[in-house]
Amino acid sequence: PAAQLASQFGQTAFKQGQEYLEQNVNRFVSVSALKHYF
């Protein structure tokens, strides 16, 4: 149970970090618009 709890905590932290990064990057440049150029 402790290993499962640690795994769930790691996944939650990763998702929150990814959302935080996308929100801060979108302040300066739109990621969806940037994908258009690639």
PDB file of all heavy atoms in Angstrom:
ATOM      1  N   PRO A   1       0.822  -1.233   0.000  1.00  0.00           N
ATOM      2  CA  PRO A   1       0.000   0.000   0.000  1.00  0.00           C
ATOM      3  C   PRO A   1       0.844   1.266   0.000  1.00  0.00           C
ATOM      4  O   PRO A   1       0.484   2.260  -0.640  1.00  0.00           O
ATOM      5  CB  PRO A   1      -0.828  -0.136   1.283  1.00  0.00           C
ATOM      6  CG  PRO A   1      -0.868  -1.603   1.561  1.00  0.00           C
ATOM      7  CD  PRO A   1       0.457  -2.135   1.099  1.00  0.00           C
ATOM      8  N   ALA A   2       1.977   1.258   0.689  1.00  0.00           N
ATOM      9  CA  ALA A   2       2.827   2.450   0.692  1.00  0.00           C
ATOM     10  C   ALA A   2       3.400   2.735  -0.687  1.00  0.00           C
ATOM     11  O   ALA A   2       3.489   3.895  -1.112  1.00  0.00           O
ATOM     12  CB  ALA A   2       3.963   2.258   1.709  1.00  0.00           C
ATOM     13  N   ALA A   3       3.782   1.684  -1.419  1.00  0.00           N
ATOM     14  CA  ALA A   3       4.302   1.876  -2.774  1.00  0.00           C
ATOM     15  C   ALA A   3       3.224   2.397  -3.709  1.00  0.00           C
ATOM     16  O   ALA A   3       3.473   3.260  -4.561  1.00  0.00           O
ATOM     17  CB  ALA A   3       4.887   0.564  -3.295  1.00  0.00           C
ATOM     18  N   GLN A   4       2.022   1.895  -3.584  1.00  0.00           N
ATOM     19  CA  GLN A   4       0.926   2.389  -4.418  1.00  0.00           C
ATOM     20  C   GLN A   4       0.610   3.842  -4.108  1.00  0.00           C
ATOM     21  O   GLN A   4       0.347   4.646  -5.012  1.00  0.00           O
ATOM     22  CB  GLN A   4      -0.303   1.512  -4.207  1.00  0.00           C
ATOM     23  CG  GLN A   4      -0.142   0.070  -4.686  1.00  0.00           C
ATOM     24  CD  GLN A   4      -1.377  -0.755  -4.447  1.00  0.00           C
ATOM     25  OE1 GLN A   4      -2.353  -0.262  -3.869  1.00  0.00           O
ATOM     26  NE2 GLN A   4      -1.349  -2.005  -4.879  1.00  0.00           N
ATOM     27  N   LEU A   5       0.651   4.211  -2.824  1.00  0.00           N
ATOM     28  CA  LEU A   5       0.404   5.598  -2.452  1.00  0.00           C
ATOM     29  C   LEU A   5       1.478   6.527  -3.015  1.00  0.00           C
ATOM     30  O   LEU A   5       1.184   7.623  -3.515  1.00  0.00           O
ATOM     31  CB  LEU A   5       0.341   5.722  -0.931  1.00  0.00           C
ATOM     32  CG  LEU A   5       0.074   7.127  -0.369  1.00  0.00           C
ATOM     33  CD1 LEU A   5      -1.281   7.624  -0.846  1.00  0.00           C
ATOM     34  CD2 LEU A   5       0.145   7.114   1.151  1.00  0.00           C
ATOM     35  N   ALA A   6       2.736   6.088  -2.967  1.00  0.00           N
ATOM     36  CA  ALA A   6       3.818   6.893  -3.530  1.00  0.00           C
ATOM     37  C   ALA A   6       3.685   7.039  -5.044  1.00  0.00           C
ATOM     38  O   ALA A   6       3.957   8.103  -5.607  1.00  0.00           O
ATOM     39  CB  ALA A   6       5.164   6.277  -3.169  1.00  0.00           C
ATOM     40  N   SER A   7       3.253   5.970  -5.709  1.00  0.00           N
ATOM     41  CA  SER A   7       3.070   6.038  -7.161  1.00  0.00           C
ATOM     42  C   SER A   7       1.956   7.015  -7.525  1.00  0.00           C
ATOM     43  O   SER A   7       2.096   7.814  -8.458  1.00  0.00           O
ATOM     44  CB  SER A   7       2.765   4.647  -7.705  1.00  0.00           C
ATOM     45  OG  SER A   7       2.518   4.685  -9.089  1.00  0.00           O
ATOM     46  N   GLN A   8       0.846   6.958  -6.815  1.00  0.00           N
ATOM     47  CA  GLN A   8      -0.244   7.889  -7.085  1.00  0.00           C
ATOM     48  C   GLN A   8       0.165   9.328  -6.806  1.00  0.00           C
ATOM     49  O   GLN A   8      -0.193  10.247  -7.539  1.00  0.00           O
ATOM     50  CB  GLN A   8      -1.458   7.513  -6.237  1.00  0.00           C
ATOM     51  CG  GLN A   8      -2.085   6.169  -6.601  1.00  0.00           C
ATOM     52  CD  GLN A   8      -3.235   5.812  -5.687  1.00  0.00           C
ATOM     53  OE1 GLN A   8      -3.575   6.569  -4.775  1.00  0.00           O
ATOM     54  NE2 GLN A   8      -3.846   4.656  -5.933  1.00  0.00           N
ATOM     55  N   PHE A   9       0.933   9.530  -5.755  1.00  0.00           N
ATOM     56  CA  PHE A   9       1.413  10.877  -5.444  1.00  0.00           C
ATOM     57  C   PHE A   9       2.330  11.408  -6.539  1.00  0.00           C
ATOM     58  O   PHE A   9       2.258  12.578  -6.923  1.00  0.00           O
ATOM     59  CB  PHE A   9       2.145  10.863  -4.100  1.00  0.00           C
ATOM     60  CG  PHE A   9       2.726  12.184  -3.718  1.00  0.00           C
ATOM     61  CD1 PHE A   9       1.925  13.200  -3.218  1.00  0.00           C
ATOM     62  CD2 PHE A   9       4.087  12.430  -3.888  1.00  0.00           C
ATOM     63  CE1 PHE A   9       2.464  14.431  -2.873  1.00  0.00           C
ATOM     64  CE2 PHE A   9       4.633  13.659  -3.547  1.00  0.00           C
ATOM     65  CZ  PHE A   9       3.815  14.662  -3.044  1.00  0.00           C
ATOM     66  N   GLY A  10       3.204  10.539  -7.077  1.00  0.00           N
ATOM     67  CA  GLY A  10       4.093  10.964  -8.155  1.00  0.00           C
ATOM     68  C   GLY A  10       3.339  11.316  -9.421  1.00  0.00           C
ATOM     69  O   GLY A  10       3.650  12.308 -10.085  1.00  0.00           O
ATOM     70  N   GLN A  11       2.327  10.525  -9.772  1.00  0.00           N
ATOM     71  CA  GLN A  11       1.533  10.827 -10.963  1.00  0.00           C
ATOM     72  C   GLN A  11       0.777  12.132 -10.807  1.00  0.00           C
ATOM     73  O   GLN A  11       0.694  12.938 -11.737  1.00  0.00           O
ATOM     74  CB  GLN A  11       0.575   9.673 -11.239  1.00  0.00           C
ATOM     75  CG  GLN A  11       1.260   8.376 -11.640  1.00  0.00           C
ATOM     76  CD  GLN A  11       0.271   7.242 -11.833  1.00  0.00           C
ATOM     77  OE1 GLN A  11      -0.938   7.432 -11.663  1.00  0.00           O
ATOM     78  NE2 GLN A  11       0.769   6.063 -12.184  1.00  0.00           N
ATOM     79  N   THR A  12       0.215  12.371  -9.633  1.00  0.00           N
ATOM     80  CA  THR A  12      -0.507  13.623  -9.397  1.00  0.00           C
ATOM     81  C   THR A  12       0.422  14.829  -9.479  1.00  0.00           C
ATOM     82  O   THR A  12       0.084  15.857 -10.081  1.00  0.00           O
ATOM     83  CB  THR A  12      -1.183  13.580  -8.023  1.00  0.00           C
ATOM     84  OG1 THR A  12      -2.028  12.425  -7.944  1.00  0.00           O
ATOM     85  CG2 THR A  12      -2.013  14.835  -7.787  1.00  0.00           C
ATOM     86  N   ALA A  13       1.614  14.712  -8.900  1.00  0.00           N
ATOM     87  CA  ALA A  13       2.569  15.822  -8.956  1.00  0.00           C
ATOM     88  C   ALA A  13       3.017  16.093 -10.384  1.00  0.00           C
ATOM     89  O   ALA A  13       3.184  17.255 -10.786  1.00  0.00           O
ATOM     90  CB  ALA A  13       3.771  15.504  -8.069  1.00  0.00           C
ATOM     91  N   PHE A  14       3.200  15.042 -11.183  1.00  0.00           N
ATOM     92  CA  PHE A  14       3.617  15.221 -12.569  1.00  0.00           C
ATOM     93  C   PHE A  14       2.534  15.932 -13.380  1.00  0.00           C
ATOM     94  O   PHE A  14       2.832  16.831 -14.173  1.00  0.00           O
ATOM     95  CB  PHE A  14       3.930  13.864 -13.192  1.00  0.00           C
ATOM     96  CG  PHE A  14       4.297  13.918 -14.637  1.00  0.00           C
ATOM     97  CD1 PHE A  14       5.553  14.338 -15.041  1.00  0.00           C
ATOM     98  CD2 PHE A  14       3.375  13.555 -15.613  1.00  0.00           C
ATOM     99  CE1 PHE A  14       5.883  14.408 -16.380  1.00  0.00           C
ATOM    100  CE2 PHE A  14       3.696  13.622 -16.949  1.00  0.00           C
ATOM    101  CZ  PHE A  14       4.957  14.046 -17.336  1.00  0.00           C
ATOM    102  N   LYS A  15       1.269  15.547 -13.162  1.00  0.00           N
ATOM    103  CA  LYS A  15       0.181  16.183 -13.902  1.00  0.00           C
ATOM    104  C   LYS A  15       0.046  17.652 -13.516  1.00  0.00           C
ATOM    105  O   LYS A  15      -0.148  18.516 -14.368  1.00  0.00           O
ATOM    106  CB  LYS A  15      -1.126  15.437 -13.637  1.00  0.00           C
ATOM    107  CG  LYS A  15      -1.180  14.047 -14.250  1.00  0.00           C
ATOM    108  CD  LYS A  15      -2.503  13.367 -13.954  1.00  0.00           C
ATOM    109  CE  LYS A  15      -2.549  11.965 -14.547  1.00  0.00           C
ATOM    110  NZ  LYS A  15      -3.838  11.274 -14.251  1.00  0.00           N
ATOM    111  N   GLN A  16       0.156  17.937 -12.224  1.00  0.00           N
ATOM    112  CA  GLN A  16       0.063  19.326 -11.794  1.00  0.00           C
ATOM    113  C   GLN A  16       1.218  20.167 -12.335  1.00  0.00           C
ATOM    114  O   GLN A  16       1.027  21.309 -12.740  1.00  0.00           O
ATOM    115  CB  GLN A  16       0.034  19.389 -10.266  1.00  0.00           C
ATOM    116  CG  GLN A  16      -1.229  18.816  -9.642  1.00  0.00           C
ATOM    117  CD  GLN A  16      -1.215  18.876  -8.137  1.00  0.00           C
ATOM    118  OE1 GLN A  16      -0.215  19.267  -7.533  1.00  0.00           O
ATOM    119  NE2 GLN A  16      -2.326  18.490  -7.505  1.00  0.00           N
ATOM    120  N   GLY A  17       2.422  19.592 -12.360  1.00  0.00           N
ATOM    121  CA  GLY A  17       3.549  20.322 -12.926  1.00  0.00           C
ATOM    122  C   GLY A  17       3.388  20.587 -14.412  1.00  0.00           C
ATOM    123  O   GLY A  17       3.733  21.658 -14.907  1.00  0.00           O
ATOM    124  N   GLN A  18       2.844  19.603 -15.132  1.00  0.00           N
ATOM    125  CA  GLN A  18       2.624  19.788 -16.560  1.00  0.00           C
ATOM    126  C   GLN A  18       1.580  20.864 -16.822  1.00  0.00           C
ATOM    127  O   GLN A  18       1.743  21.699 -17.711  1.00  0.00           O
ATOM    128  CB  GLN A  18       2.194  18.456 -17.190  1.00  0.00           C
ATOM    129  CG  GLN A  18       2.078  18.489 -18.700  1.00  0.00           C
ATOM    130  CD  GLN A  18       1.714  17.141 -19.272  1.00  0.00           C
ATOM    131  OE1 GLN A  18       1.403  16.203 -18.526  1.00  0.00           O
ATOM    132  NE2 GLN A  18       1.749  17.015 -20.582  1.00  0.00           N
ATOM    133  N   GLU A  19       0.492  20.865 -16.050  1.00  0.00           N
ATOM    134  CA  GLU A  19      -0.522  21.891 -16.213  1.00  0.00           C
ATOM    135  C   GLU A  19       0.017  23.272 -15.871  1.00  0.00           C
ATOM    136  O   GLU A  19      -0.273  24.261 -16.559  1.00  0.00           O
ATOM    137  CB  GLU A  19      -1.725  21.558 -15.326  1.00  0.00           C
ATOM    138  CG  GLU A  19      -2.482  20.293 -15.751  1.00  0.00           C
ATOM    139  CD  GLU A  19      -3.594  19.961 -14.786  1.00  0.00           C
ATOM    140  OE1 GLU A  19      -3.736  20.691 -13.769  1.00  0.00           O
ATOM    141  OE2 GLU A  19      -4.329  18.987 -15.042  1.00  0.00           O
ATOM    142  N   TYR A  20       0.826  23.355 -14.825  1.00  0.00           N
ATOM    143  CA  TYR A  20       1.413  24.645 -14.444  1.00  0.00           C
ATOM    144  C   TYR A  20       2.337  25.173 -15.537  1.00  0.00           C
ATOM    145  O   TYR A  20       2.343  26.371 -15.859  1.00  0.00           O
ATOM    146  CB  TYR A  20       2.175  24.487 -13.134  1.00  0.00           C
ATOM    147  CG  TYR A  20       2.891  25.739 -12.684  1.00  0.00           C
ATOM    148  CD1 TYR A  20       2.201  26.770 -12.047  1.00  0.00           C
ATOM    149  CD2 TYR A  20       4.266  25.891 -12.910  1.00  0.00           C
ATOM    150  CE1 TYR A  20       2.867  27.919 -11.644  1.00  0.00           C
ATOM    151  CE2 TYR A  20       4.928  27.032 -12.505  1.00  0.00           C
ATOM    152  CZ  TYR A  20       4.221  28.043 -11.868  1.00  0.00           C
ATOM    153  OH  TYR A  20       4.885  29.179 -11.485  1.00  0.00           O
ATOM    154  N   LEU A  21       3.121  24.273 -16.135  1.00  0.00           N
ATOM    155  CA  LEU A  21       4.032  24.686 -17.197  1.00  0.00           C
ATOM    156  C   LEU A  21       3.277  25.167 -18.420  1.00  0.00           C
ATOM    157  O   LEU A  21       3.633  26.183 -19.028  1.00  0.00           O
ATOM    158  CB  LEU A  21       4.958  23.525 -17.568  1.00  0.00           C
ATOM    159  CG  LEU A  21       6.002  23.788 -18.647  1.00  0.00           C
ATOM    160  CD1 LEU A  21       6.951  24.893 -18.199  1.00  0.00           C
ATOM    161  CD2 LEU A  21       6.779  22.520 -18.972  1.00  0.00           C
ATOM    162  N   GLU A  22       2.214  24.448 -18.792  1.00  0.00           N
ATOM    163  CA  GLU A  22       1.438  24.855 -19.959  1.00  0.00           C
ATOM    164  C   GLU A  22       0.751  26.201 -19.724  1.00  0.00           C
ATOM    165  O   GLU A  22       0.686  27.040 -20.629  1.00  0.00           O
ATOM    166  CB  GLU A  22       0.404  23.777 -20.283  1.00  0.00           C
ATOM    167  CG  GLU A  22       1.002  22.480 -20.813  1.00  0.00           C
ATOM    168  CD  GLU A  22      -0.057  21.436 -21.108  1.00  0.00           C
ATOM    169  OE1 GLU A  22      -1.246  21.724 -20.806  1.00  0.00           O
ATOM    170  OE2 GLU A  22       0.288  20.362 -21.622  1.00  0.00           O
ATOM    171  N   GLN A  23       0.247  26.426 -18.516  1.00  0.00           N
ATOM    172  CA  GLN A  23      -0.403  27.705 -18.240  1.00  0.00           C
ATOM    173  C   GLN A  23       0.572  28.861 -18.313  1.00  0.00           C
ATOM    174  O   GLN A  23       0.250  29.929 -18.831  1.00  0.00           O
ATOM    175  CB  GLN A  23      -1.057  27.649 -16.852  1.00  0.00           C
ATOM    176  CG  GLN A  23      -2.249  26.700 -16.778  1.00  0.00           C
ATOM    177  CD  GLN A  23      -2.807  26.600 -15.369  1.00  0.00           C
ATOM    178  OE1 GLN A  23      -2.295  27.228 -14.440  1.00  0.00           O
ATOM    179  NE2 GLN A  23      -3.854  25.812 -15.201  1.00  0.00           N
ATOM    180  N   ASN A  24       1.798  28.670 -17.806  1.00  0.00           N
ATOM    181  CA  ASN A  24       2.776  29.758 -17.836  1.00  0.00           C
ATOM    182  C   ASN A  24       3.344  29.970 -19.228  1.00  0.00           C
ATOM    183  O   ASN A  24       3.652  31.104 -19.607  1.00  0.00           O
ATOM    184  CB  ASN A  24       3.913  29.465 -16.843  1.00  0.00           C
ATOM    185  CG  ASN A  24       3.484  29.665 -15.400  1.00  0.00           C
ATOM    186  OD1 ASN A  24       3.571  30.751 -14.854  1.00  0.00           O
ATOM    187  ND2 ASN A  24       3.001  28.600 -14.782  1.00  0.00           N
ATOM    188  N   VAL A  25       3.504  28.893 -20.011  1.00  0.00           N
ATOM    189  CA  VAL A  25       3.998  29.048 -21.374  1.00  0.00           C
ATOM    190  C   VAL A  25       2.958  29.739 -22.241  1.00  0.00           C
ATOM    191  O   VAL A  25       3.293  30.574 -23.100  1.00  0.00           O
ATOM    192  CB  VAL A  25       4.396  27.677 -21.953  1.00  0.00           C
ATOM    193  CG1 VAL A  25       4.711  27.791 -23.440  1.00  0.00           C
ATOM    194  CG2 VAL A  25       5.593  27.117 -21.207  1.00  0.00           C
ATOM    195  N   ASN A  26       1.684  29.427 -22.024  1.00  0.00           N
ATOM    196  CA  ASN A  26       0.623  30.035 -22.826  1.00  0.00           C
ATOM    197  C   ASN A  26       0.489  31.527 -22.572  1.00  0.00           C
ATOM    198  O   ASN A  26      -0.169  32.225 -23.354  1.00  0.00           O
ATOM    199  CB  ASN A  26      -0.707  29.340 -22.544  1.00  0.00           C
ATOM    200  CG  ASN A  26      -0.767  27.952 -23.150  1.00  0.00           C
ATOM    201  OD1 ASN A  26      -0.132  27.693 -24.174  1.00  0.00           O
ATOM    202  ND2 ASN A  26      -1.516  27.049 -22.532  1.00  0.00           N
ATOM    203  N   ARG A  27       1.069  32.025 -21.484  1.00  0.00           N
ATOM    204  CA  ARG A  27       1.028  33.466 -21.266  1.00  0.00           C
ATOM    205  C   ARG A  27       1.841  34.221 -22.294  1.00  0.00           C
ATOM    206  O   ARG A  27       1.517  35.355 -22.659  1.00  0.00           O
ATOM    207  CB  ARG A  27       1.569  33.796 -19.866  1.00  0.00           C
ATOM    208  CG  ARG A  27       0.702  33.278 -18.721  1.00  0.00           C
ATOM    209  CD  ARG A  27       1.322  33.654 -17.381  1.00  0.00           C
ATOM    210  NE  ARG A  27       0.541  33.134 -16.268  1.00  0.00           N
ATOM    211  CZ  ARG A  27       0.873  33.298 -14.987  1.00  0.00           C
ATOM    212  NH1 ARG A  27       1.988  33.974 -14.676  1.00  0.00           N
ATOM    213  NH2 ARG A  27       0.124  32.792 -14.032  1.00  0.00           N
ATOM    214  N   PHE A  28       2.909  33.608 -22.762  1.00  0.00           N
ATOM    215  CA  PHE A  28       3.805  34.271 -23.713  1.00  0.00           C
ATOM    216  C   PHE A  28       3.547  33.831 -25.151  1.00  0.00           C
ATOM    217  O   PHE A  28       3.643  34.633 -26.076  1.00  0.00           O
ATOM    218  CB  PHE A  28       5.265  33.994 -23.328  1.00  0.00           C
ATOM    219  CG  PHE A  28       5.601  34.409 -21.923  1.00  0.00           C
ATOM    220  CD1 PHE A  28       5.594  33.476 -20.895  1.00  0.00           C
ATOM    221  CD2 PHE A  28       5.911  35.720 -21.637  1.00  0.00           C
ATOM    222  CE1 PHE A  28       5.909  33.853 -19.593  1.00  0.00           C
ATOM    223  CE2 PHE A  28       6.222  36.112 -20.337  1.00  0.00           C
ATOM    224  CZ  PHE A  28       6.214  35.175 -19.315  1.00  0.00           C
ATOM    225  N   VAL A  29       3.290  32.573 -25.368  1.00  0.00           N
ATOM    226  CA  VAL A  29       3.060  32.062 -26.715  1.00  0.00           C
ATOM    227  C   VAL A  29       2.068  30.913 -26.643  1.00  0.00           C
ATOM    228  O   VAL A  29       2.084  30.126 -25.694  1.00  0.00           O
ATOM    229  CB  VAL A  29       4.387  31.590 -27.360  1.00  0.00           C
ATOM    230  CG1 VAL A  29       5.023  30.471 -26.561  1.00  0.00           C
ATOM    231  CG2 VAL A  29       4.162  31.169 -28.804  1.00  0.00           C
ATOM    232  N   SER A  30       1.209  30.851 -27.625  1.00  0.00           N
ATOM    233  CA  SER A  30       0.212  29.794 -27.666  1.00  0.00           C
ATOM    234  C   SER A  30       0.846  28.507 -28.185  1.00  0.00           C
ATOM    235  O   SER A  30       1.446  28.486 -29.268  1.00  0.00           O
ATOM    236  CB  SER A  30      -0.961  30.206 -28.570  1.00  0.00           C
ATOM    237  OG  SER A  30      -1.892  29.146 -28.682  1.00  0.00           O
ATOM    238  N   VAL A  31       0.701  27.451 -27.381  1.00  0.00           N
ATOM    239  CA  VAL A  31       1.292  26.178 -27.785  1.00  0.00           C
ATOM    240  C   VAL A  31       0.596  25.626 -29.019  1.00  0.00           C
ATOM    241  O   VAL A  31       1.235  25.090 -29.932  1.00  0.00           O
ATOM    242  CB  VAL A  31       1.226  25.172 -26.620  1.00  0.00           C
ATOM    243  CG1 VAL A  31       1.783  23.816 -27.038  1.00  0.00           C
ATOM    244  CG2 VAL A  31       1.986  25.703 -25.415  1.00  0.00           C
ATOM    245  N   SER A  32      -0.724  25.772 -29.091  1.00  0.00           N
ATOM    246  CA  SER A  32      -1.455  25.283 -30.263  1.00  0.00           C
ATOM    247  C   SER A  32      -1.062  26.054 -31.515  1.00  0.00           C
ATOM    248  O   SER A  32      -0.944  25.478 -32.596  1.00  0.00           O
ATOM    249  CB  SER A  32      -2.959  25.405 -30.007  1.00  0.00           C
ATOM    250  OG  SER A  32      -3.313  26.763 -29.758  1.00  0.00           O
ATOM    251  N   ALA A  33      -0.834  27.358 -31.370  1.00  0.00           N
ATOM    252  CA  ALA A  33      -0.385  28.140 -32.533  1.00  0.00           C
ATOM    253  C   ALA A  33       1.037  27.785 -32.920  1.00  0.00           C
ATOM    254  O   ALA A  33       1.393  27.806 -34.112  1.00  0.00           O
ATOM    255  CB  ALA A  33      -0.497  29.629 -32.227  1.00  0.00           C
ATOM    256  N   LEU A  34       1.856  27.448 -31.936  1.00  0.00           N
ATOM    257  CA  LEU A  34       3.236  27.076 -32.234  1.00  0.00           C
ATOM    258  C   LEU A  34       3.303  25.741 -32.962  1.00  0.00           C
ATOM    259  O   LEU A  34       4.173  25.533 -33.818  1.00  0.00           O
ATOM    260  CB  LEU A  34       4.045  27.018 -30.945  1.00  0.00           C
ATOM    261  CG  LEU A  34       5.561  26.920 -31.073  1.00  0.00           C
ATOM    262  CD1 LEU A  34       6.118  28.137 -31.793  1.00  0.00           C
ATOM    263  CD2 LEU A  34       6.204  26.773 -29.701  1.00  0.00           C
ATOM    264  N   LYS A  35       2.400  24.827 -32.653  1.00  0.00           N
ATOM    265  CA  LYS A  35       2.373  23.541 -33.350  1.00  0.00           C
ATOM    266  C   LYS A  35       2.060  23.715 -34.829  1.00  0.00           C
ATOM    267  O   LYS A  35       2.477  22.902 -35.654  1.00  0.00           O
ATOM    268  CB  LYS A  35       1.348  22.619 -32.697  1.00  0.00           C
ATOM    269  CG  LYS A  35       1.709  22.169 -31.289  1.00  0.00           C
ATOM    270  CD  LYS A  35       0.631  21.256 -30.722  1.00  0.00           C
ATOM    271  CE  LYS A  35       0.998  20.798 -29.315  1.00  0.00           C
ATOM    272  NZ  LYS A  35      -0.075  19.925 -28.739  1.00  0.00           N
ATOM    273  N   HIS A  36       1.325  24.762 -35.159  1.00  0.00           N
ATOM    274  CA  HIS A  36       0.981  25.017 -36.559  1.00  0.00           C
ATOM    275  C   HIS A  36       2.232  25.215 -37.411  1.00  0.00           C
ATOM    276  O   HIS A  36       2.274  24.773 -38.570  1.00  0.00           O
ATOM    277  CB  HIS A  36       0.080  26.252 -36.631  1.00  0.00           C
ATOM    278  CG  HIS A  36      -0.161  26.748 -38.020  1.00  0.00           C
ATOM    279  ND1 HIS A  36      -1.153  26.249 -38.835  1.00  0.00           N
ATOM    280  CD2 HIS A  36       0.484  27.701 -38.768  1.00  0.00           C
ATOM    281  CE1 HIS A  36      -1.128  26.876 -40.005  1.00  0.00           C
ATOM    282  NE2 HIS A  36      -0.142  27.755 -39.988  1.00  0.00           N
ATOM    283  N   TYR A  37       3.270  25.830 -36.846  1.00  0.00           N
ATOM    284  CA  TYR A  37       4.473  26.137 -37.612  1.00  0.00           C
ATOM    285  C   TYR A  37       5.419  24.945 -37.737  1.00  0.00           C
ATOM    286  O   TYR A  37       6.379  25.016 -38.496  1.00  0.00           O
ATOM    287  CB  TYR A  37       5.211  27.300 -36.962  1.00  0.00           C
ATOM    288  CG  TYR A  37       4.463  28.610 -37.058  1.00  0.00           C
ATOM    289  CD1 TYR A  37       3.524  28.971 -36.087  1.00  0.00           C
ATOM    290  CD2 TYR A  37       4.667  29.480 -38.116  1.00  0.00           C
ATOM    291  CE1 TYR A  37       2.826  30.162 -36.169  1.00  0.00           C
ATOM    292  CE2 TYR A  37       3.978  30.673 -38.219  1.00  0.00           C
ATOM    293  CZ  TYR A  37       3.053  31.006 -37.238  1.00  0.00           C
ATOM    294  OH  TYR A  37       2.362  32.195 -37.332  1.00  0.00           O
ATOM    295  N   PHE A  38       5.176  23.887 -37.010  1.00  0.00           N
ATOM    296  CA  PHE A  38       5.996  22.677 -37.117  1.00  0.00           C
ATOM    297  C   PHE A  38       5.258  21.550 -37.824  1.00  0.00           C
ATOM    298  O   PHE A  38       5.743  20.423 -37.843  1.00  0.00           O
ATOM    299  CB  PHE A  38       6.437  22.216 -35.731  1.00  0.00           C
ATOM    300  CG  PHE A  38       7.487  23.089 -35.105  1.00  0.00           C
ATOM    301  CD1 PHE A  38       7.132  24.142 -34.285  1.00  0.00           C
ATOM    302  CD2 PHE A  38       8.836  22.868 -35.361  1.00  0.00           C
ATOM    303  CE1 PHE A  38       8.095  24.958 -33.706  1.00  0.00           C
ATOM    304  CE2 PHE A  38       9.804  23.677 -34.792  1.00  0.00           C
ATOM    305  CZ  PHE A  38       9.428  24.725 -33.964  1.00  0.00           C
TER     306      PHE A  38
END
